Amino acid sequence: MKRHHGIHRRWLHLSVRTVDDKIMQIIQWPGTMNLTSIDYLAIGQRLRAYRIAASLNAEQIAAELGISRAAVYRLEKGEIKKIETLERLAQCLNTTVETLLGVGMEYYPHASGFFERMRQLEEGSTRIYSHFEPFSYLLTSEKYDAYLQQMLLETDSTTVQGDKLDPNSLQTLAILSERKSHLNTHLPKIHNLIGIQHIEKFIHLGLVGSLNISPSTRIERVLATRQEVKYLLHLLEEKKDIVQVAITKQTIPLFYLPDFL
């Protein structure tokens, strides 16, 4: 399984488990929903995440449902009144009504949808618990984003169109950047679990998407990796009240999930 350092293939099928503050009750009448028990805002957020993951724009959803683009945006704001609407949306987005309602696990077919959902959840969070190899993207420097794009270009030809990334990958990078920008203004507390073996491997290999690069580029990427580790240490010193890192020598178990791209 191919990996990017910091963001790797396991991200693409990782699931987000959420429990809404308002628990869904049984729908009592065909074609209607209990208006007092469902978190409509969360449903709208999931609709947007699944639309992005499906590489569909609002115009395409509108055409499929026979409604206006403005109506699609209202749906994504949680303005939903009929169960039939959710059923049709679930079919368009290749998911289920239960998933849109927040019952059980959320699985996204593309990284863009997964990270959009993460962005949504982080917006209202006061604490973020994370584990990504070698450490959370939220704790990387601004310079890391350019290296991440280059790593994606190096690692898999299916994400590349000419000498550029495909639109889905570019949208994923934009969502990641938005997550980091929000962090700098919202300032939630971040708790990051790190495996020491991942840090060691990160420093040894460098910020690379492929080992098929020139020696000079390899040296440059290793040096950039060291700068990222230094930046993490800087965050721990300067923002110790909101950034906490736990380092373990033991192997941290992760779910194995198949590559997507």
Foldseek 3Di string as FASTA:
>chain_A
DFAFAQGTQVLWWDWDADDDPFDADDADDAFWGDPPGADLQQLLLLLVLLCLLVVHALCVVCVQVVHDSVVNNVSSRRPDTTPVVLQSSCVVSVHHSCVSRRHDIDTGLGNLSSLSNVLVVVLPDQEAEDEDFQKHPLLFDPVVLVLLQVLVQQADCVQDDPSHGDPSVVSSSVSSVVSNVSCVVVVHAYEMEHEVVRLVVCLVQFRHNDPPDDPVVRVVRSVVSVVRVVSSVVCCVPVVVRYHYHYDNDDDDDDDDDGRD
